[in-house]
Amino acid sequence: MEILGQLGINGPSLIAQAISFGILLLLLYKVGYQRFLKTVDERSSRIRESLEAGEKAKQEAAQAEEEVAKRIEEASLKGQKIVEQASQSAEAVKKKAEQDAKKQAEEIIKKAQTEIEREKASAFDELRKEVADLAVAVAGKAISRSLDEKTHEALIDSVLKEASAIKD
């Protein structure tokens, strides 16, 4: 121990200081280190919870993004169906309008044909009346003068010519 003495170290004082240091270390361990470890553990737990919450939020954001993408796709499909239905409806309306127009045109044509037939019949009736009037006039002329055969034939030819001119 003399070597320690030459270095200026006192043995009993060194042992007392070592015991005091051990007691202080034990006290600090029991009082301060436990609190320090508790604080570090709490902070570690909060950091872990924050990381877990961040990961959970990240997963929720990814799920929400997938859900939004699905809804957009569904909306797009619904929009396409609506456009297709509108197109089909427009085509049906167009076909119905064409059919209605065709029916109306056919009715107008039928009415026009009926009117033409009626006018034609009326014209023929009038023609018959005129031919009858001419026949009566010819007969009246024939009675008013006595006709020889040539005059009689000329008179009939002229009545026939007038009647054919009226027909045309």
C-alpha atoms as a PDB file:
ATOM      1  CA  MET A   1       0.000   0.000   0.000  1.00  0.00           C
ATOM      2  CA  GLU A   2       2.936   2.192   0.154  1.00  0.00           C
ATOM      3  CA  ILE A   3       2.830   2.756  -3.490  1.00  0.00           C
ATOM      4  CA  LEU A   4      -0.599   4.228  -3.040  1.00  0.00           C
ATOM      5  CA  GLY A   5       0.772   6.463  -0.348  1.00  0.00           C
ATOM      6  CA  GLN A   6       3.535   7.676  -2.624  1.00  0.00           C
ATOM      7  CA  LEU A   7       0.931   8.557  -5.231  1.00  0.00           C
ATOM      8  CA  GLY A   8      -0.952  10.608  -2.637  1.00  0.00           C
ATOM      9  CA  ILE A   9      -3.832   8.216  -2.285  1.00  0.00           C
ATOM     10  CA  ASN A  10      -5.019   7.405   1.208  1.00  0.00           C
ATOM     11  CA  GLY A  11      -6.334   3.775   1.358  1.00  0.00           C
ATOM     12  CA  PRO A  12      -8.992   4.123   4.070  1.00  0.00           C
ATOM     13  CA  SER A  13     -10.161   7.362   2.524  1.00  0.00           C
ATOM     14  CA  LEU A  14     -10.306   5.664  -0.876  1.00  0.00           C
ATOM     15  CA  ILE A  15     -12.423   2.832   0.513  1.00  0.00           C
ATOM     16  CA  ALA A  16     -14.725   5.318   2.249  1.00  0.00           C
ATOM     17  CA  GLN A  17     -15.080   7.293  -0.947  1.00  0.00           C
ATOM     18  CA  ALA A  18     -15.741   4.093  -2.927  1.00  0.00           C
ATOM     19  CA  ILE A  19     -18.451   3.051  -0.438  1.00  0.00           C
ATOM     20  CA  SER A  20     -19.941   6.555  -0.523  1.00  0.00           C
ATOM     21  CA  PHE A  21     -19.893   6.464  -4.337  1.00  0.00           C
ATOM     22  CA  GLY A  22     -21.573   3.029  -4.316  1.00  0.00           C
ATOM     23  CA  ILE A  23     -24.287   4.248  -1.910  1.00  0.00           C
ATOM     24  CA  LEU A  24     -24.788   7.389  -4.021  1.00  0.00           C
ATOM     25  CA  LEU A  25     -24.913   5.278  -7.146  1.00  0.00           C
ATOM     26  CA  LEU A  26     -27.428   2.934  -5.507  1.00  0.00           C
ATOM     27  CA  LEU A  27     -29.558   5.886  -4.366  1.00  0.00           C
ATOM     28  CA  LEU A  28     -29.401   7.518  -7.804  1.00  0.00           C
ATOM     29  CA  TYR A  29     -30.257   4.180  -9.388  1.00  0.00           C
ATOM     30  CA  LYS A  30     -33.259   3.670  -7.124  1.00  0.00           C
ATOM     31  CA  VAL A  31     -34.516   7.266  -7.238  1.00  0.00           C
ATOM     32  CA  GLY A  32     -33.261   8.948 -10.401  1.00  0.00           C
ATOM     33  CA  TYR A  33     -32.499   6.131 -12.817  1.00  0.00           C
ATOM     34  CA  GLN A  34     -35.899   4.514 -12.316  1.00  0.00           C
ATOM     35  CA  ARG A  35     -37.574   7.859 -13.144  1.00  0.00           C
ATOM     36  CA  PHE A  36     -35.242   8.321 -16.088  1.00  0.00           C
ATOM     37  CA  LEU A  37     -36.007   4.827 -17.399  1.00  0.00           C
ATOM     38  CA  LYS A  38     -39.729   5.449 -16.821  1.00  0.00           C
ATOM     39  CA  THR A  39     -39.549   8.734 -18.765  1.00  0.00           C
ATOM     40  CA  VAL A  40     -37.551   7.095 -21.561  1.00  0.00           C
ATOM     41  CA  ASP A  41     -40.027   4.202 -21.677  1.00  0.00           C
ATOM     42  CA  GLU A  42     -42.980   6.620 -21.786  1.00  0.00           C
ATOM     43  CA  ARG A  43     -41.379   8.624 -24.533  1.00  0.00           C
ATOM     44  CA  SER A  44     -40.530   5.446 -26.402  1.00  0.00           C
ATOM     45  CA  SER A  45     -44.156   4.326 -26.047  1.00  0.00           C
ATOM     46  CA  ARG A  46     -45.446   7.676 -27.329  1.00  0.00           C
ATOM     47  CA  ILE A  47     -43.080   7.528 -30.285  1.00  0.00           C
ATOM     48  CA  ARG A  48     -44.145   3.943 -31.004  1.00  0.00           C
ATOM     49  CA  GLU A  49     -47.824   4.946 -30.731  1.00  0.00           C
ATOM     50  CA  SER A  50     -47.235   7.916 -33.017  1.00  0.00           C
ATOM     51  CA  LEU A  51     -45.508   5.682 -35.553  1.00  0.00           C
ATOM     52  CA  GLU A  52     -48.340   3.159 -35.333  1.00  0.00           C
ATOM     53  CA  ALA A  53     -50.925   5.944 -35.675  1.00  0.00           C
ATOM     54  CA  GLY A  54     -49.012   7.296 -38.679  1.00  0.00           C
ATOM     55  CA  GLU A  55     -48.926   3.833 -40.255  1.00  0.00           C
ATOM     56  CA  LYS A  56     -52.624   3.373 -39.528  1.00  0.00           C
ATOM     57  CA  ALA A  57     -53.390   6.783 -41.051  1.00  0.00           C
ATOM     58  CA  LYS A  58     -51.296   5.847 -44.069  1.00  0.00           C
ATOM     59  CA  GLN A  59     -53.248   2.596 -44.488  1.00  0.00           C
ATOM     60  CA  GLU A  60     -56.567   4.422 -44.038  1.00  0.00           C
ATOM     61  CA  ALA A  61     -55.511   6.982 -46.640  1.00  0.00           C
ATOM     62  CA  ALA A  62     -54.612   4.178 -49.039  1.00  0.00           C
ATOM     63  CA  GLN A  63     -57.979   2.491 -48.399  1.00  0.00           C
ATOM     64  CA  ALA A  64     -59.779   5.800 -48.850  1.00  0.00           C
ATOM     65  CA  GLU A  65     -57.910   6.360 -52.110  1.00  0.00           C
ATOM     66  CA  GLU A  66     -58.913   2.882 -53.309  1.00  0.00           C
ATOM     67  CA  GLU A  67     -62.520   3.572 -52.302  1.00  0.00           C
ATOM     68  CA  VAL A  68     -62.495   6.883 -54.169  1.00  0.00           C
ATOM     69  CA  ALA A  69     -61.042   5.157 -57.233  1.00  0.00           C
ATOM     70  CA  LYS A  70     -63.785   2.496 -57.049  1.00  0.00           C
ATOM     71  CA  ARG A  71     -66.490   5.137 -56.709  1.00  0.00           C
ATOM     72  CA  ILE A  72     -65.082   7.095 -59.631  1.00  0.00           C
ATOM     73  CA  GLU A  73     -65.057   3.930 -61.731  1.00  0.00           C
ATOM     74  CA  GLU A  74     -68.636   3.112 -60.680  1.00  0.00           C
ATOM     75  CA  ALA A  75     -69.733   6.657 -61.467  1.00  0.00           C
ATOM     76  CA  SER A  76     -68.033   6.421 -64.841  1.00  0.00           C
ATOM     77  CA  LEU A  77     -69.833   3.144 -65.601  1.00  0.00           C
ATOM     78  CA  LYS A  78     -73.149   4.627 -64.471  1.00  0.00           C
ATOM     79  CA  GLY A  79     -72.492   7.669 -66.639  1.00  0.00           C
ATOM     80  CA  GLN A  80     -71.783   5.437 -69.628  1.00  0.00           C
ATOM     81  CA  LYS A  81     -74.985   3.497 -68.984  1.00  0.00           C
ATOM     82  CA  ILE A  82     -76.960   6.728 -68.763  1.00  0.00           C
ATOM     83  CA  VAL A  83     -75.435   7.948 -72.021  1.00  0.00           C
ATOM     84  CA  GLU A  84     -76.235   4.608 -73.684  1.00  0.00           C
ATOM     85  CA  GLN A  85     -79.814   4.715 -72.384  1.00  0.00           C
ATOM     86  CA  ALA A  86     -80.206   8.303 -73.559  1.00  0.00           C
ATOM     87  CA  SER A  87     -78.836   7.332 -76.958  1.00  0.00           C
ATOM     88  CA  GLN A  88     -81.226   4.383 -77.172  1.00  0.00           C
ATOM     89  CA  SER A  89     -84.128   6.586 -76.080  1.00  0.00           C
ATOM     90  CA  ALA A  90     -83.195   9.183 -78.669  1.00  0.00           C
ATOM     91  CA  GLU A  91     -83.008   6.489 -81.332  1.00  0.00           C
ATOM     92  CA  ALA A  92     -86.424   5.142 -80.278  1.00  0.00           C
ATOM     93  CA  VAL A  93     -87.910   8.646 -80.359  1.00  0.00           C
ATOM     94  CA  LYS A  94     -86.351   9.213 -83.775  1.00  0.00           C
ATOM     95  CA  LYS A  95     -87.775   5.934 -85.119  1.00  0.00           C
ATOM     96  CA  LYS A  96     -91.207   6.719 -83.668  1.00  0.00           C
ATOM     97  CA  ALA A  97     -91.110  10.197 -85.193  1.00  0.00           C
ATOM     98  CA  GLU A  98     -90.134   8.694 -88.557  1.00  0.00           C
ATOM     99  CA  GLN A  99     -92.964   6.156 -88.303  1.00  0.00           C
ATOM    100  CA  ASP A 100     -95.448   8.860 -87.327  1.00  0.00           C
ATOM    101  CA  ALA A 101     -94.266  11.057 -90.192  1.00  0.00           C
ATOM    102  CA  LYS A 102     -94.547   8.101 -92.559  1.00  0.00           C
ATOM    103  CA  LYS A 103     -98.096   7.376 -91.359  1.00  0.00           C
ATOM    104  CA  GLN A 104     -99.074  11.025 -91.728  1.00  0.00           C
ATOM    105  CA  ALA A 105     -97.582  11.138 -95.210  1.00  0.00           C
ATOM    106  CA  GLU A 106     -99.462   7.970 -96.158  1.00  0.00           C
ATOM    107  CA  GLU A 107    -102.692   9.450 -94.782  1.00  0.00           C
ATOM    108  CA  ILE A 108    -102.120  12.671 -96.716  1.00  0.00           C
ATOM    109  CA  ILE A 109    -101.410  10.666 -99.879  1.00  0.00           C
ATOM    110  CA  LYS A 110    -104.556   8.566 -99.341  1.00  0.00           C
ATOM    111  CA  LYS A 111    -106.628  11.712 -98.780  1.00  0.00           C
ATOM    112  CA  ALA A 112    -105.105  13.303-101.887  1.00  0.00           C
ATOM    113  CA  GLN A 113    -105.795  10.166-103.929  1.00  0.00           C
ATOM    114  CA  THR A 114    -109.368  10.057-102.644  1.00  0.00           C
ATOM    115  CA  GLU A 115    -109.779  13.731-103.487  1.00  0.00           C
ATOM    116  CA  ILE A 116    -108.310  13.138-106.961  1.00  0.00           C
ATOM    117  CA  GLU A 117    -110.670  10.209-107.522  1.00  0.00           C
ATOM    118  CA  ARG A 118    -113.602  12.305-106.348  1.00  0.00           C
ATOM    119  CA  GLU A 119    -112.588  15.202-108.600  1.00  0.00           C
ATOM    120  CA  LYS A 120    -112.079  12.782-111.477  1.00  0.00           C
ATOM    121  CA  ALA A 121    -115.528  11.253-110.912  1.00  0.00           C
ATOM    122  CA  SER A 122    -117.010  14.716-110.652  1.00  0.00           C
ATOM    123  CA  ALA A 123    -115.299  15.739-113.892  1.00  0.00           C
ATOM    124  CA  PHE A 124    -116.614  12.617-115.657  1.00  0.00           C
ATOM    125  CA  ASP A 125    -120.105  13.315-114.343  1.00  0.00           C
ATOM    126  CA  GLU A 126    -119.895  16.834-115.649  1.00  0.00           C
ATOM    127  CA  LEU A 127    -118.558  15.531-118.957  1.00  0.00           C
ATOM    128  CA  ARG A 128    -121.474  13.132-119.218  1.00  0.00           C
ATOM    129  CA  LYS A 129    -123.861  15.982-118.551  1.00  0.00           C
ATOM    130  CA  GLU A 130    -122.241  18.073-121.257  1.00  0.00           C
ATOM    131  CA  VAL A 131    -122.269  15.161-123.703  1.00  0.00           C
ATOM    132  CA  ALA A 132    -125.929  14.652-122.863  1.00  0.00           C
ATOM    133  CA  ASP A 133    -126.573  18.362-123.383  1.00  0.00           C
ATOM    134  CA  LEU A 134    -124.744  18.190-126.716  1.00  0.00           C
ATOM    135  CA  ALA A 135    -126.746  15.150-127.707  1.00  0.00           C
ATOM    136  CA  VAL A 136    -129.922  17.015-126.848  1.00  0.00           C
ATOM    137  CA  ALA A 137    -128.664  20.032-128.814  1.00  0.00           C
ATOM    138  CA  VAL A 138    -127.833  17.838-131.793  1.00  0.00           C
ATOM    139  CA  ALA A 139    -131.188  16.185-131.563  1.00  0.00           C
ATOM    140  CA  GLY A 140    -132.790  19.605-131.396  1.00  0.00           C
ATOM    141  CA  LYS A 141    -130.880  20.726-134.454  1.00  0.00           C
ATOM    142  CA  ALA A 142    -131.745  17.538-136.259  1.00  0.00           C
ATOM    143  CA  ILE A 143    -135.382  17.995-135.531  1.00  0.00           C
ATOM    144  CA  SER A 144    -135.366  21.620-136.533  1.00  0.00           C
ATOM    145  CA  ARG A 145    -134.226  20.786-140.024  1.00  0.00           C
ATOM    146  CA  SER A 146    -134.533  17.725-141.986  1.00  0.00           C
ATOM    147  CA  LEU A 147    -131.227  16.137-142.592  1.00  0.00           C
ATOM    148  CA  ASP A 148    -129.969  14.166-145.424  1.00  0.00           C
ATOM    149  CA  GLU A 149    -127.544  11.325-144.764  1.00  0.00           C
ATOM    150  CA  LYS A 150    -124.328  13.327-145.329  1.00  0.00           C
ATOM    151  CA  THR A 151    -125.376  16.165-143.065  1.00  0.00           C
ATOM    152  CA  HIS A 152    -126.466  13.693-140.458  1.00  0.00           C
ATOM    153  CA  GLU A 153    -123.040  11.942-140.480  1.00  0.00           C
ATOM    154  CA  ALA A 154    -121.199  15.317-140.393  1.00  0.00           C
ATOM    155  CA  LEU A 155    -123.299  16.400-137.422  1.00  0.00           C
ATOM    156  CA  ILE A 156    -122.544  13.161-135.488  1.00  0.00           C
ATOM    157  CA  ASP A 157    -118.805  13.457-136.275  1.00  0.00           C
ATOM    158  CA  SER A 158    -118.708  17.035-135.033  1.00  0.00           C
ATOM    159  CA  VAL A 159    -120.486  16.052-131.761  1.00  0.00           C
ATOM    160  CA  LEU A 160    -118.025  13.176-131.268  1.00  0.00           C
ATOM    161  CA  LYS A 161    -115.065  15.489-131.885  1.00  0.00           C
ATOM    162  CA  GLU A 162    -116.378  17.986-129.358  1.00  0.00           C
ATOM    163  CA  ALA A 163    -116.934  15.218-126.831  1.00  0.00           C
ATOM    164  CA  SER A 164    -113.406  13.847-127.315  1.00  0.00           C
ATOM    165  CA  ALA A 165    -111.963  17.356-127.019  1.00  0.00           C
ATOM    166  CA  ILE A 166    -113.748  17.768-123.683  1.00  0.00           C
ATOM    167  CA  LYS A 167    -112.351  14.423-122.370  1.00  0.00           C
ATOM    168  CA  ASP A 168    -108.757  15.393-123.040  1.00  0.00           C
END
